[in-house]
């Protein structure tokens, strides 16, 4: 019996926040908020790391994400901001189907310090999809019995 597919990626450099690093630009004469150059450069490196590390034949419908962020400094950062861009890249690159809770649950995130080699290490492990419609129906049915 085969085990779940597991992919490991290392994204070098300090993680750039997608949400907190927007710049105002004009696109076809209209103002738009776009990710900063710093985030765009980080995203490009992340995409290359995913291509080098391989991708599943089809995006995972359910997966467990584990992330270890190695910071190169002690600047305060929000974990959610650090992981949001990573999850978006995993979706865009076809590793996971979506980054909502029904696909990835609650990712495990740990923070460490490595002044000489800041990076983000991500492990994506395929898991068995949950039939959330059945779970919801059963919960609704149980709730109606107790009302």
C-alpha atoms as a PDB file:
ATOM      1  CA  UNK A   1       0.000   0.000   0.000  1.00  0.00           C
ATOM      2  CA  UNK A   2       1.357   3.372  -0.984  1.00  0.00           C
ATOM      3  CA  UNK A   3       1.474   6.273   1.446  1.00  0.00           C
ATOM      4  CA  UNK A   4       0.381   9.834   0.790  1.00  0.00           C
ATOM      5  CA  UNK A   5       2.290  12.001  -1.657  1.00  0.00           C
ATOM      6  CA  UNK A   6       4.537  14.505   0.105  1.00  0.00           C
ATOM      7  CA  UNK A   7       6.232  17.535  -1.425  1.00  0.00           C
ATOM      8  CA  UNK A   8       8.818  19.688   0.338  1.00  0.00           C
ATOM      9  CA  UNK A   9       9.823  23.148  -0.777  1.00  0.00           C
ATOM     10  CA  UNK A  10      12.365  25.668   0.491  1.00  0.00           C
ATOM     11  CA  UNK A  11      11.730  29.314  -0.334  1.00  0.00           C
ATOM     12  CA  UNK A  12      14.949  31.281   0.276  1.00  0.00           C
ATOM     13  CA  UNK A  13      14.966  34.768   1.736  1.00  0.00           C
ATOM     14  CA  UNK A  14      12.679  36.503   4.190  1.00  0.00           C
ATOM     15  CA  UNK A  15       9.027  35.896   3.340  1.00  0.00           C
ATOM     16  CA  UNK A  16       7.407  38.977   1.807  1.00  0.00           C
ATOM     17  CA  UNK A  17       3.843  39.784   2.823  1.00  0.00           C
ATOM     18  CA  UNK A  18       1.394  39.860  -0.045  1.00  0.00           C
ATOM     19  CA  UNK A  19      -1.284  41.731   1.875  1.00  0.00           C
ATOM     20  CA  UNK A  20       0.819  44.426   3.539  1.00  0.00           C
ATOM     21  CA  UNK A  21       3.042  45.326   0.608  1.00  0.00           C
ATOM     22  CA  UNK A  22       0.678  46.717  -1.993  1.00  0.00           C
ATOM     23  CA  UNK A  23       1.532  49.629  -4.261  1.00  0.00           C
ATOM     24  CA  UNK A  24      -0.863  51.891  -6.101  1.00  0.00           C
ATOM     25  CA  UNK A  25      -0.370  51.756  -9.874  1.00  0.00           C
ATOM     26  CA  UNK A  26      -2.270  52.774 -12.970  1.00  0.00           C
ATOM     27  CA  UNK A  27      -3.275  49.963 -15.304  1.00  0.00           C
ATOM     28  CA  UNK A  28      -4.942  51.093 -18.531  1.00  0.00           C
ATOM     29  CA  UNK A  29      -5.603  54.449 -16.887  1.00  0.00           C
ATOM     30  CA  UNK A  30      -7.321  52.948 -13.829  1.00  0.00           C
ATOM     31  CA  UNK A  31      -5.826  52.902 -10.322  1.00  0.00           C
ATOM     32  CA  UNK A  32      -5.129  49.400  -8.992  1.00  0.00           C
ATOM     33  CA  UNK A  33      -3.450  47.954  -5.929  1.00  0.00           C
ATOM     34  CA  UNK A  34      -0.672  45.573  -6.956  1.00  0.00           C
ATOM     35  CA  UNK A  35       1.811  43.536  -4.926  1.00  0.00           C
ATOM     36  CA  UNK A  36       5.090  45.330  -4.234  1.00  0.00           C
ATOM     37  CA  UNK A  37       8.247  44.602  -6.195  1.00  0.00           C
ATOM     38  CA  UNK A  38       9.627  42.836  -3.091  1.00  0.00           C
ATOM     39  CA  UNK A  39       6.653  40.454  -3.035  1.00  0.00           C
ATOM     40  CA  UNK A  40       6.780  39.920  -6.802  1.00  0.00           C
ATOM     41  CA  UNK A  41      10.470  38.963  -6.576  1.00  0.00           C
ATOM     42  CA  UNK A  42       9.776  36.618  -3.664  1.00  0.00           C
ATOM     43  CA  UNK A  43       6.845  35.044  -5.548  1.00  0.00           C
ATOM     44  CA  UNK A  44       9.042  34.466  -8.613  1.00  0.00           C
ATOM     45  CA  UNK A  45      11.647  32.657  -6.469  1.00  0.00           C
ATOM     46  CA  UNK A  46       8.860  30.637  -4.814  1.00  0.00           C
ATOM     47  CA  UNK A  47       7.479  29.534  -8.185  1.00  0.00           C
ATOM     48  CA  UNK A  48      10.964  28.422  -9.271  1.00  0.00           C
ATOM     49  CA  UNK A  49      11.381  26.453  -6.031  1.00  0.00           C
ATOM     50  CA  UNK A  50       8.064  24.680  -6.643  1.00  0.00           C
ATOM     51  CA  UNK A  51       9.052  23.853 -10.214  1.00  0.00           C
ATOM     52  CA  UNK A  52      12.376  22.462  -8.960  1.00  0.00           C
ATOM     53  CA  UNK A  53      10.703  20.485  -6.157  1.00  0.00           C
ATOM     54  CA  UNK A  54       8.027  18.954  -8.367  1.00  0.00           C
ATOM     55  CA  UNK A  55       4.267  19.087  -8.356  1.00  0.00           C
ATOM     56  CA  UNK A  56       1.538  16.474  -8.058  1.00  0.00           C
ATOM     57  CA  UNK A  57      -0.030  15.238 -11.316  1.00  0.00           C
ATOM     58  CA  UNK A  58      -3.270  16.962 -10.252  1.00  0.00           C
ATOM     59  CA  UNK A  59      -3.728  19.477  -7.405  1.00  0.00           C
ATOM     60  CA  UNK A  60      -4.415  17.900  -4.021  1.00  0.00           C
ATOM     61  CA  UNK A  61      -8.110  18.053  -3.081  1.00  0.00           C
ATOM     62  CA  UNK A  62      -7.088  17.795   0.578  1.00  0.00           C
ATOM     63  CA  UNK A  63      -3.694  18.424   2.122  1.00  0.00           C
ATOM     64  CA  UNK A  64      -1.880  19.044   5.366  1.00  0.00           C
ATOM     65  CA  UNK A  65       0.452  22.062   5.238  1.00  0.00           C
ATOM     66  CA  UNK A  66       3.369  22.453   7.622  1.00  0.00           C
ATOM     67  CA  UNK A  67       5.519  25.585   7.471  1.00  0.00           C
ATOM     68  CA  UNK A  68       8.658  26.574   9.331  1.00  0.00           C
ATOM     69  CA  UNK A  69       9.636  30.199   8.883  1.00  0.00           C
ATOM     70  CA  UNK A  70      13.290  30.964   9.594  1.00  0.00           C
ATOM     71  CA  UNK A  71      13.595  34.714  10.175  1.00  0.00           C
ATOM     72  CA  UNK A  72      16.807  36.592   9.526  1.00  0.00           C
ATOM     73  CA  UNK A  73      15.926  39.357  11.990  1.00  0.00           C
ATOM     74  CA  UNK A  74      13.601  40.102  14.892  1.00  0.00           C
ATOM     75  CA  UNK A  75      11.165  42.380  13.081  1.00  0.00           C
ATOM     76  CA  UNK A  76       7.589  41.664  14.172  1.00  0.00           C
ATOM     77  CA  UNK A  77       5.549  39.923  11.510  1.00  0.00           C
ATOM     78  CA  UNK A  78       2.043  38.503  11.356  1.00  0.00           C
ATOM     79  CA  UNK A  79       2.027  34.735  10.710  1.00  0.00           C
ATOM     80  CA  UNK A  80      -1.090  35.019   8.582  1.00  0.00           C
ATOM     81  CA  UNK A  81       0.545  37.544   6.253  1.00  0.00           C
ATOM     82  CA  UNK A  82       3.604  35.319   5.866  1.00  0.00           C
ATOM     83  CA  UNK A  83       1.579  32.235   4.975  1.00  0.00           C
ATOM     84  CA  UNK A  84      -1.078  33.842   2.751  1.00  0.00           C
ATOM     85  CA  UNK A  85       1.269  34.411  -0.197  1.00  0.00           C
ATOM     86  CA  UNK A  86       2.708  30.908   0.108  1.00  0.00           C
ATOM     87  CA  UNK A  87      -0.735  29.340   0.000  1.00  0.00           C
ATOM     88  CA  UNK A  88      -1.700  31.436  -3.025  1.00  0.00           C
ATOM     89  CA  UNK A  89       1.447  30.326  -4.889  1.00  0.00           C
ATOM     90  CA  UNK A  90       0.731  26.665  -4.033  1.00  0.00           C
ATOM     91  CA  UNK A  91      -2.738  27.070  -5.575  1.00  0.00           C
ATOM     92  CA  UNK A  92      -1.479  28.965  -8.641  1.00  0.00           C
ATOM     93  CA  UNK A  93       1.222  26.351  -9.267  1.00  0.00           C
ATOM     94  CA  UNK A  94      -1.235  23.426  -9.038  1.00  0.00           C
ATOM     95  CA  UNK A  95       0.017  21.860  -5.807  1.00  0.00           C
ATOM     96  CA  UNK A  96      -3.254  22.279  -3.904  1.00  0.00           C
ATOM     97  CA  UNK A  97      -6.738  22.784  -5.311  1.00  0.00           C
ATOM     98  CA  UNK A  98      -7.582  25.728  -3.056  1.00  0.00           C
ATOM     99  CA  UNK A  99      -6.353  27.313   0.153  1.00  0.00           C
ATOM    100  CA  UNK A 100      -9.687  27.299   1.980  1.00  0.00           C
ATOM    101  CA  UNK A 101     -10.203  25.402   5.245  1.00  0.00           C
ATOM    102  CA  UNK A 102     -12.020  22.517   3.542  1.00  0.00           C
ATOM    103  CA  UNK A 103      -8.853  21.720   1.561  1.00  0.00           C
ATOM    104  CA  UNK A 104      -5.990  22.596   3.927  1.00  0.00           C
ATOM    105  CA  UNK A 105      -7.623  22.744   7.354  1.00  0.00           C
ATOM    106  CA  UNK A 106      -5.395  24.740   9.702  1.00  0.00           C
ATOM    107  CA  UNK A 107      -1.776  24.844   8.536  1.00  0.00           C
ATOM    108  CA  UNK A 108       0.921  24.223  11.136  1.00  0.00           C
ATOM    109  CA  UNK A 109       3.246  27.221  11.362  1.00  0.00           C
ATOM    110  CA  UNK A 110       6.430  27.477  13.427  1.00  0.00           C
ATOM    111  CA  UNK A 111       8.882  30.362  13.672  1.00  0.00           C
ATOM    112  CA  UNK A 112      12.647  30.075  14.119  1.00  0.00           C
ATOM    113  CA  UNK A 113      15.651  32.363  13.653  1.00  0.00           C
ATOM    114  CA  UNK A 114      18.464  31.794  11.165  1.00  0.00           C
ATOM    115  CA  UNK A 115      20.294  35.070  10.596  1.00  0.00           C
ATOM    116  CA  UNK A 116      22.515  33.612   7.867  1.00  0.00           C
ATOM    117  CA  UNK A 117      19.813  31.801   5.877  1.00  0.00           C
ATOM    118  CA  UNK A 118      16.282  33.208   6.248  1.00  0.00           C
ATOM    119  CA  UNK A 119      13.795  30.965   4.482  1.00  0.00           C
ATOM    120  CA  UNK A 120      10.448  29.253   4.573  1.00  0.00           C
ATOM    121  CA  UNK A 121      10.286  25.463   4.512  1.00  0.00           C
ATOM    122  CA  UNK A 122       6.927  24.030   3.442  1.00  0.00           C
ATOM    123  CA  UNK A 123       5.743  20.441   3.541  1.00  0.00           C
ATOM    124  CA  UNK A 124       2.563  19.603   1.633  1.00  0.00           C
ATOM    125  CA  UNK A 125       1.157  16.162   2.418  1.00  0.00           C
ATOM    126  CA  UNK A 126      -1.779  14.754   0.513  1.00  0.00           C
ATOM    127  CA  UNK A 127      -4.643  13.681   2.768  1.00  0.00           C
ATOM    128  CA  UNK A 128      -7.952  11.954   2.293  1.00  0.00           C
ATOM    129  CA  UNK A 129     -10.656  14.460   1.242  1.00  0.00           C
ATOM    130  CA  UNK A 130     -13.565  14.916   3.644  1.00  0.00           C
ATOM    131  CA  UNK A 131     -17.101  14.832   2.271  1.00  0.00           C
ATOM    132  CA  UNK A 132     -18.016  18.158   3.860  1.00  0.00           C
ATOM    133  CA  UNK A 133     -21.550  18.139   2.402  1.00  0.00           C
ATOM    134  CA  UNK A 134     -22.347  14.922   4.289  1.00  0.00           C
ATOM    135  CA  UNK A 135     -20.763  16.290   7.471  1.00  0.00           C
ATOM    136  CA  UNK A 136     -22.854  19.446   7.174  1.00  0.00           C
ATOM    137  CA  UNK A 137     -26.074  17.511   6.479  1.00  0.00           C
ATOM    138  CA  UNK A 138     -25.489  15.258   9.497  1.00  0.00           C
ATOM    139  CA  UNK A 139     -24.804  18.274  11.706  1.00  0.00           C
ATOM    140  CA  UNK A 140     -27.976  20.027  10.497  1.00  0.00           C
ATOM    141  CA  UNK A 141     -30.016  16.874  11.049  1.00  0.00           C
ATOM    142  CA  UNK A 142     -28.656  16.452  14.585  1.00  0.00           C
ATOM    143  CA  UNK A 143     -29.350  20.107  15.373  1.00  0.00           C
ATOM    144  CA  UNK A 144     -32.984  19.879  14.176  1.00  0.00           C
ATOM    145  CA  UNK A 145     -33.597  16.903  16.493  1.00  0.00           C
ATOM    146  CA  UNK A 146     -32.558  18.933  19.533  1.00  0.00           C
ATOM    147  CA  UNK A 147     -34.575  22.049  18.737  1.00  0.00           C
END
